[in-house]
N, C-alpha and C. Protein backbone atom coordinates (compact mmCIF):
# COMPACT_ATOMS: atom_id res chain seq x y z
N UNK A 1 0.57 -0.59 0.04
CA UNK A 1 0.04 0.24 -0.27
C UNK A 1 1.07 1.36 0.24
N UNK A 2 0.47 2.27 -1.26
CA UNK A 2 1.64 3.84 -0.38
C UNK A 2 0.38 4.76 -0.56
N UNK A 3 1.06 5.59 0.64
CA UNK A 3 0.80 7.16 -0.36
C UNK A 3 0.91 8.09 -1.57
N UNK A 4 -0.73 8.27 -2.27
CA UNK A 4 -0.42 8.15 -3.40
C UNK A 4 -0.36 10.41 -3.66
N UNK A 5 -0.10 9.92 -5.08
CA UNK A 5 0.98 11.22 -5.56
C UNK A 5 -0.77 12.14 -6.46
N UNK A 6 -1.67 12.60 -5.40
CA UNK A 6 -2.97 12.93 -7.13
C UNK A 6 -2.57 13.79 -8.58
N UNK A 7 -1.93 14.46 -8.64
CA UNK A 7 -1.80 14.69 -10.04
C UNK A 7 -1.36 13.96 -10.75
N UNK A 8 -0.52 11.90 -10.70
CA UNK A 8 -0.34 11.69 -11.00
C UNK A 8 -0.58 10.49 -11.33
N UNK A 9 -1.43 10.34 -10.17
CA UNK A 9 -2.36 8.62 -9.95
C UNK A 9 -2.77 8.23 -11.10
N UNK A 10 -2.66 6.65 -11.03
CA UNK A 10 -3.62 5.91 -11.58
C UNK A 10 -5.05 5.75 -11.63
N UNK A 11 -4.91 6.05 -10.63
CA UNK A 11 -5.84 6.14 -10.63
C UNK A 11 -6.81 6.72 -9.01
N UNK A 12 -6.33 7.76 -9.41
CA UNK A 12 -7.15 9.10 -8.83
C UNK A 12 -8.90 9.82 -9.29
N UNK A 13 -9.27 10.77 -9.07
CA UNK A 13 -10.49 10.65 -9.78
C UNK A 13 -10.36 10.93 -11.13
N UNK A 14 -9.81 12.65 -11.87
CA UNK A 14 -9.31 12.39 -13.26
C UNK A 14 -8.75 11.04 -13.82
N UNK A 15 -8.72 10.53 -13.43
CA UNK A 15 -8.26 8.69 -14.18
C UNK A 15 -9.47 7.35 -14.16
N UNK A 16 -9.75 7.43 -12.94
CA UNK A 16 -10.52 6.05 -12.63
C UNK A 16 -12.06 6.24 -11.78
N UNK A 17 -12.81 5.44 -11.93
CA UNK A 17 -13.49 5.74 -10.53
C UNK A 17 -13.35 4.52 -9.61
N UNK A 18 -14.83 4.38 -8.65
CA UNK A 18 -15.09 3.89 -7.29
C UNK A 18 -14.83 3.10 -8.40
N UNK A 19 -15.34 2.24 -9.36
CA UNK A 19 -15.52 0.48 -9.58
C UNK A 19 -14.26 0.63 -9.88
N UNK A 20 -13.29 1.17 -10.71
CA UNK A 20 -11.79 0.46 -11.26
C UNK A 20 -11.35 0.31 -10.08
N UNK A 21 -11.57 1.35 -8.70
CA UNK A 21 -10.34 1.10 -7.85
C UNK A 21 -10.56 -0.41 -7.30
N UNK A 22 -11.73 -0.23 -6.56
CA UNK A 22 -12.66 -1.30 -5.86
C UNK A 22 -11.24 -2.81 -7.25
N UNK A 23 -11.58 -2.83 -7.75
CA UNK A 23 -10.98 -4.26 -9.40
C UNK A 23 -9.49 -3.74 -9.33
N UNK A 24 -8.97 -3.14 -9.45
CA UNK A 24 -7.84 -3.40 -8.85
C UNK A 24 -7.43 -3.60 -7.25
N UNK A 25 -7.76 -3.62 -5.77
CA UNK A 25 -7.87 -3.59 -5.09
C UNK A 25 -8.41 -4.84 -4.81
N UNK A 26 -9.16 -5.19 -5.66
CA UNK A 26 -9.35 -6.73 -5.25
C UNK A 26 -8.13 -8.03 -5.85
N UNK A 27 -7.89 -7.06 -7.18
CA UNK A 27 -7.11 -8.33 -8.05
C UNK A 27 -5.78 -7.95 -7.15
N UNK A 28 -5.55 -6.59 -6.20
CA UNK A 28 -3.51 -7.17 -6.00
C UNK A 28 -4.20 -8.22 -5.17
N UNK A 29 -5.12 -8.39 -4.13
CA UNK A 29 -5.16 -8.64 -3.01
C UNK A 29 -5.76 -10.47 -3.51
N UNK A 30 -5.22 -10.74 -4.42
CA UNK A 30 -5.50 -12.14 -5.23
C UNK A 30 -6.83 -12.22 -5.29
N UNK A 31 -8.60 -12.19 -5.57
CA UNK A 31 -8.97 -12.17 -4.80
C UNK A 31 -10.29 -11.53 -6.05
N UNK A 32 -11.35 -13.37 -6.34
CA UNK A 32 -11.83 -12.79 -7.79
C UNK A 32 -13.31 -12.22 -6.54
N UNK A 33 -14.41 -11.80 -8.25
CA UNK A 33 -15.28 -10.76 -7.84
C UNK A 33 -16.57 -11.83 -6.47
N UNK A 34 -16.06 -13.21 -6.87
CA UNK A 34 -17.67 -14.47 -5.95
C UNK A 34 -16.51 -14.50 -4.49
N UNK A 35 -15.20 -14.38 -4.16
CA UNK A 35 -14.40 -14.57 -3.45
C UNK A 35 -15.05 -13.56 -2.40
N UNK A 36 -15.02 -12.49 -2.82
CA UNK A 36 -14.96 -11.11 -1.95
C UNK A 36 -16.51 -10.89 -1.88
N UNK A 37 -17.67 -11.32 -2.99
CA UNK A 37 -18.51 -10.98 -2.53
C UNK A 37 -19.51 -12.39 -0.96
N UNK A 38 -19.28 -13.81 -1.05
CA UNK A 38 -18.97 -14.52 0.07
C UNK A 38 -18.16 -13.97 0.80
N UNK A 39 -16.63 -12.53 1.22
CA UNK A 39 -16.67 -12.48 2.78
C UNK A 39 -16.68 -11.25 2.47
N UNK A 40 -17.81 -10.72 2.71
CA UNK A 40 -18.92 -9.40 2.96
C UNK A 40 -20.39 -10.21 2.84
N UNK A 41 -20.89 -11.01 2.36
CA UNK A 41 -21.89 -11.61 1.81
C UNK A 41 -22.55 -10.75 1.82
N UNK A 42 -22.64 -11.29 0.48
CA UNK A 42 -23.13 -9.69 -0.89
C UNK A 42 -23.26 -11.09 -2.25
N UNK A 43 -24.16 -10.72 -2.17
CA UNK A 43 -24.02 -11.29 -4.16
C UNK A 43 -23.00 -11.27 -5.13
N UNK A 44 -22.86 -11.77 -5.62
CA UNK A 44 -22.58 -11.98 -7.27
C UNK A 44 -22.42 -10.06 -7.91
N UNK A 45 -23.24 -11.06 -7.70
CA UNK A 45 -23.53 -9.07 -9.75
C UNK A 45 -24.28 -8.03 -7.99
N UNK A 46 -24.12 -8.15 -7.08
CA UNK A 46 -23.52 -6.63 -6.58
C UNK A 46 -22.07 -6.45 -6.40
N UNK A 47 -21.50 -7.20 -6.16
CA UNK A 47 -19.94 -6.36 -6.83
C UNK A 47 -19.52 -6.76 -8.40
N UNK A 48 -20.60 -6.88 -8.56
CA UNK A 48 -20.02 -6.99 -10.91
C UNK A 48 -20.87 -5.41 -10.40
N UNK A 49 -21.28 -5.44 -10.49
CA UNK A 49 -22.22 -3.87 -10.08
C UNK A 49 -21.79 -2.19 -9.74
N UNK A 50 -21.34 -2.52 -8.16
CA UNK A 50 -20.03 -1.67 -7.84
C UNK A 50 -19.34 -2.08 -8.93
N UNK A 51 -18.56 -3.41 -8.99
CA UNK A 51 -17.03 -3.29 -9.92
C UNK A 51 -17.34 -1.99 -11.20
N UNK A 52 -19.20 -2.27 -11.76
CA UNK A 52 -19.41 -0.90 -12.80
C UNK A 52 -19.84 -0.25 -12.32
N UNK A 53 -19.19 0.14 -11.97
CA UNK A 53 -20.26 1.51 -11.64
C UNK A 53 -22.16 2.07 -11.19
N UNK A 54 -22.54 0.95 -11.62
CA UNK A 54 -24.12 1.10 -11.62
C UNK A 54 -24.10 1.20 -10.10
N UNK A 55 -23.84 0.53 -9.53
CA UNK A 55 -24.12 1.26 -8.48
C UNK A 55 -23.06 1.29 -6.89
N UNK A 56 -23.02 1.76 -5.59
CA UNK A 56 -21.79 1.99 -4.87
C UNK A 56 -22.43 0.84 -3.29
N UNK A 57 -21.68 0.43 -2.96
CA UNK A 57 -21.97 -0.14 -1.48
C UNK A 57 -22.66 0.96 -0.31
N UNK A 58 -22.59 0.48 0.88
CA UNK A 58 -23.01 1.09 1.74
C UNK A 58 -21.98 1.44 2.11
N UNK A 59 -21.90 3.02 3.16
CA UNK A 59 -20.64 2.95 3.88
C UNK A 59 -20.28 1.54 4.85
N UNK A 60 -21.35 0.32 5.56
CA UNK A 60 -20.73 -0.46 5.85
C UNK A 60 -20.03 -1.73 5.85
N UNK A 61 -20.26 -2.05 4.40
CA UNK A 61 -20.00 -2.60 3.58
C UNK A 61 -18.70 -2.55 2.45
N UNK A 62 -18.43 -0.69 2.78
CA UNK A 62 -17.59 0.03 1.97
C UNK A 62 -16.58 0.00 3.77
N UNK A 63 -17.24 0.02 4.43
CA UNK A 63 -15.91 -0.13 5.44
C UNK A 63 -14.71 -1.96 4.95
N UNK A 64 -15.37 -2.70 5.18
CA UNK A 64 -15.78 -3.95 5.29
C UNK A 64 -15.09 -3.53 3.62
N UNK A 65 -15.59 -3.77 2.38
CA UNK A 65 -14.23 -3.68 1.16
C UNK A 65 -12.69 -3.29 1.93
N UNK A 66 -12.56 -2.08 2.62
CA UNK A 66 -11.62 -1.67 2.74
C UNK A 66 -10.99 -2.76 3.32
N UNK A 67 -11.08 -2.32 4.43
CA UNK A 67 -10.54 -3.65 5.46
C UNK A 67 -10.27 -5.21 4.53
N UNK A 68 -11.03 -5.82 4.19
CA UNK A 68 -10.61 -6.73 3.26
C UNK A 68 -10.00 -6.74 2.10
N UNK A 69 -9.44 -5.66 1.40
CA UNK A 69 -8.33 -4.69 0.66
C UNK A 69 -7.56 -4.12 1.10
N UNK A 70 -7.67 -4.03 1.84
CA UNK A 70 -6.52 -3.41 2.55
C UNK A 70 -5.18 -2.16 2.03
N UNK A 71 -6.44 -1.53 1.73
CA UNK A 71 -6.61 0.25 1.35
C UNK A 71 -8.10 0.26 1.73
N UNK A 72 -7.54 2.38 1.98
CA UNK A 72 -8.61 2.87 3.22
C UNK A 72 -10.25 3.79 1.74
N UNK A 73 -10.78 3.49 2.62
CA UNK A 73 -12.29 3.91 1.97
C UNK A 73 -11.64 5.31 2.13
N UNK A 74 -11.22 6.09 2.71
CA UNK A 74 -11.10 7.64 1.04
C UNK A 74 -10.52 7.43 -0.56
N UNK A 75 -9.77 6.32 -0.35
CA UNK A 75 -8.83 6.00 -0.60
C UNK A 75 -9.69 5.38 -2.44
N UNK A 76 -10.14 4.16 -1.37
CA UNK A 76 -12.05 3.53 -2.76
C UNK A 76 -12.74 4.80 -3.29
N UNK A 77 -13.08 5.49 -2.79
CA UNK A 77 -13.87 6.69 -3.25
C UNK A 77 -13.85 7.83 -4.45
N UNK A 78 -12.09 8.47 -4.09
CA UNK A 78 -12.07 9.09 -4.16
C UNK A 78 -10.30 9.38 -5.13
N UNK A 79 -9.30 7.76 -4.64
CA UNK A 79 -8.03 8.24 -5.13
C UNK A 79 -6.76 8.64 -4.96
N UNK A 80 -7.42 9.13 -3.47
CA UNK A 80 -6.90 10.25 -2.60
C UNK A 80 -6.14 8.50 -1.00
N UNK A 81 -4.94 8.90 -0.34
CA UNK A 81 -4.95 8.06 0.80
C UNK A 81 -4.00 6.67 0.01
N UNK A 82 -4.37 6.23 1.74
CA UNK A 82 -3.66 4.22 1.58
C UNK A 82 -4.23 3.26 -0.06
N UNK A 83 -4.04 3.24 -0.46
CA UNK A 83 -3.84 2.71 -1.82
C UNK A 83 -3.38 1.36 -2.71
N UNK A 84 -4.08 1.06 -3.64
CA UNK A 84 -3.25 0.03 -4.48
C UNK A 84 -1.89 0.44 -5.45
N UNK A 85 -0.79 0.60 -5.43
CA UNK A 85 0.48 0.90 -6.24
C UNK A 85 -0.63 0.59 -8.35
N UNK A 86 -0.07 1.87 -8.98
CA UNK A 86 -0.40 1.85 -9.25
C UNK A 86 0.44 1.23 -11.30
N UNK A 87 0.15 -0.03 -12.08
CA UNK A 87 0.43 -1.07 -11.99
C UNK A 87 1.93 -0.53 -13.36
N UNK A 88 2.72 -1.28 -13.21
CA UNK A 88 4.42 -1.52 -13.85
C UNK A 88 4.40 -0.89 -15.06
N UNK A 89 5.10 -0.23 -15.25
CA UNK A 89 5.78 0.97 -16.39
C UNK A 89 5.85 -0.94 -17.99
N UNK A 90 5.46 -0.45 -18.86
CA UNK A 90 6.59 -0.86 -19.34
C UNK A 90 8.07 -1.87 -19.61
N UNK A 91 8.74 -0.77 -19.27
CA UNK A 91 10.21 -0.09 -18.92
C UNK A 91 10.72 -1.55 -17.62
N UNK A 92 9.66 -0.63 -16.63
CA UNK A 92 9.23 -1.69 -15.63
C UNK A 92 9.64 -3.16 -15.71
N UNK A 93 8.76 -3.22 -16.17
CA UNK A 93 8.78 -4.96 -16.10
C UNK A 93 10.46 -6.00 -17.20
N UNK A 94 10.44 -4.28 -18.23
CA UNK A 94 11.47 -5.70 -19.32
C UNK A 94 11.96 -5.39 -17.69
N UNK A 95 12.89 -4.60 -16.77
CA UNK A 95 14.04 -4.45 -16.08
C UNK A 95 14.23 -5.32 -15.67
N UNK A 96 13.10 -5.88 -14.46
CA UNK A 96 12.61 -6.46 -13.76
C UNK A 96 12.89 -8.05 -14.79
N UNK A 97 12.12 -7.98 -16.21
CA UNK A 97 12.62 -9.78 -16.44
C UNK A 97 14.16 -10.02 -16.81
N UNK A 98 14.96 -8.78 -17.24
CA UNK A 98 16.18 -8.64 -17.89
C UNK A 98 16.66 -8.65 -16.70
N UNK A 99 15.94 -8.60 -15.02
CA UNK A 99 17.12 -8.80 -14.35
C UNK A 99 17.82 -11.00 -13.93
N UNK A 100 16.16 -11.03 -13.81
CA UNK A 100 15.56 -12.27 -13.46
C UNK A 100 16.43 -13.34 -14.85
N UNK A 101 16.57 -12.48 -16.06
CA UNK A 101 16.83 -13.65 -16.94
C UNK A 101 18.39 -13.71 -16.53
N UNK A 102 19.40 -12.52 -16.02
CA UNK A 102 20.51 -12.89 -15.59
C UNK A 102 21.09 -14.22 -14.44
N UNK A 103 19.34 -13.81 -13.66
CA UNK A 103 20.36 -14.29 -12.76
C UNK A 103 19.56 -16.10 -13.27
N UNK A 104 19.03 -16.43 -14.04
CA UNK A 104 19.03 -18.07 -14.38
C UNK A 104 19.74 -18.01 -15.51
N UNK A 105 20.35 -17.94 -15.63
CA UNK A 105 21.65 -17.58 -17.37
C UNK A 105 22.73 -17.65 -15.72
N UNK A 106 22.91 -17.70 -14.74
CA UNK A 106 24.57 -17.46 -13.37
C UNK A 106 23.54 -18.45 -13.22
N UNK A 107 22.19 -18.82 -12.57
CA UNK A 107 22.01 -20.06 -11.57
C UNK A 107 22.53 -21.18 -12.83
N UNK A 108 22.01 -21.21 -14.16
CA UNK A 108 22.90 -22.54 -15.16
C UNK A 108 23.81 -22.57 -15.11
N UNK A 109 24.16 -21.32 -14.78
CA UNK A 109 26.24 -21.92 -14.80
C UNK A 109 26.83 -22.81 -13.75
N UNK A 110 25.75 -22.04 -12.82
CA UNK A 110 26.83 -22.74 -11.18
C UNK A 110 26.31 -24.46 -11.40
N UNK A 111 24.98 -24.13 -12.52
CA UNK A 111 24.51 -25.20 -11.89
C UNK A 111 25.45 -26.93 -12.87
N UNK A 112 25.92 -26.38 -13.42
CA UNK A 112 26.45 -27.07 -14.92
C UNK A 112 27.68 -27.53 -14.00
N UNK A 113 28.18 -26.47 -13.73
CA UNK A 113 29.88 -26.11 -13.51
C UNK A 113 29.57 -27.63 -11.57
N UNK A 114 28.51 -27.66 -11.03
CA UNK A 114 28.34 -28.67 -10.20
C UNK A 114 27.89 -29.96 -11.01
N UNK A 115 27.68 -30.12 -11.54
CA UNK A 115 26.68 -31.17 -12.33
C UNK A 115 27.88 -31.35 -12.73
N UNK A 116 29.28 -31.13 -13.70
CA UNK A 116 30.37 -31.20 -14.30
C UNK A 116 30.80 -32.02 -12.35
N UNK A 117 30.96 -30.59 -11.14
CA UNK A 117 31.72 -31.36 -10.25
C UNK A 117 31.07 -33.26 -9.49
N UNK A 118 30.03 -32.77 -9.73
CA UNK A 118 29.61 -33.78 -8.95
C UNK A 118 29.94 -35.26 -10.20
N UNK A 119 29.86 -35.68 -11.39
CA UNK A 119 30.75 -36.40 -12.20
C UNK A 119 31.72 -36.91 -12.14
N UNK A 120 33.01 -35.61 -11.93
CA UNK A 120 34.40 -36.02 -11.14
C UNK A 120 34.61 -36.71 -10.27
N UNK A 121 33.26 -36.37 -9.21
CA UNK A 121 33.47 -37.27 -7.60
C UNK A 121 32.86 -38.29 -7.91
N UNK A 122 31.61 -38.64 -8.53
CA UNK A 122 31.96 -40.11 -9.06
C UNK A 122 31.76 -40.53 -9.29
N UNK A 123 32.78 -40.11 -9.80
CA UNK A 123 33.83 -41.55 -10.92
C UNK A 123 34.76 -41.94 -10.26
N UNK A 124 35.27 -40.98 -9.07
CA UNK A 124 36.28 -40.77 -8.37
C UNK A 124 36.33 -41.83 -7.34
N UNK A 125 34.41 -42.35 -7.15
CA UNK A 125 34.12 -42.82 -5.73
C UNK A 125 34.16 -44.04 -6.67
N UNK A 126 33.86 -43.90 -7.95
CA UNK A 126 33.86 -46.28 -8.38
C UNK A 126 35.52 -45.92 -8.57
N UNK A 127 35.76 -45.03 -8.43
CA UNK A 127 38.10 -46.04 -8.53
C UNK A 127 38.08 -46.56 -6.97
N UNK A 128 37.56 -46.04 -6.66
CA UNK A 128 37.56 -46.60 -5.13
C UNK A 128 37.29 -47.18 -4.27
N UNK A 129 36.03 -47.91 -4.63
CA UNK A 129 35.54 -48.76 -4.55
C UNK A 129 36.17 -49.84 -5.38
N UNK A 130 36.50 -49.44 -6.83
CA UNK A 130 36.63 -51.05 -7.71
C UNK A 130 38.44 -50.99 -6.93
N UNK A 131 38.79 -50.52 -6.37
CA UNK A 131 39.88 -50.75 -5.63
C UNK A 131 39.72 -51.23 -5.18
N UNK A 132 39.24 -51.29 -3.40
CA UNK A 132 39.14 -52.04 -2.41
C UNK A 132 38.32 -53.17 -2.12
N UNK A 133 37.99 -53.70 -3.81
CA UNK A 133 36.99 -54.57 -4.06
C UNK A 133 38.19 -55.94 -4.47
């Protein structure tokens, strides 16, 4: 959860609706609409209506939604305050992917070296066992 900057916030009132923010908060918690509905004690259609901006929750349900999704009520309503982070940019994703790829290559090199080392150790062990017989 992060404090948002109103002027550039992806989920601000200028850029997103209550339904958009609810969807983002739910997805950030890896909840399906059905799971959130069950936890709130409402119908799936109710969650769908909220996320599609066809209706809004009453105050008590809004408070429960905020608690279950780990965001502030203020953020859900206005996009200001404690909420979910905006989606990563393509450049950020590419940089992260590049770093993970470099890690994988390094691990593969280490695994290849360890495999060769294991092979040599097994060969020495076989020779020692043959000589012992």
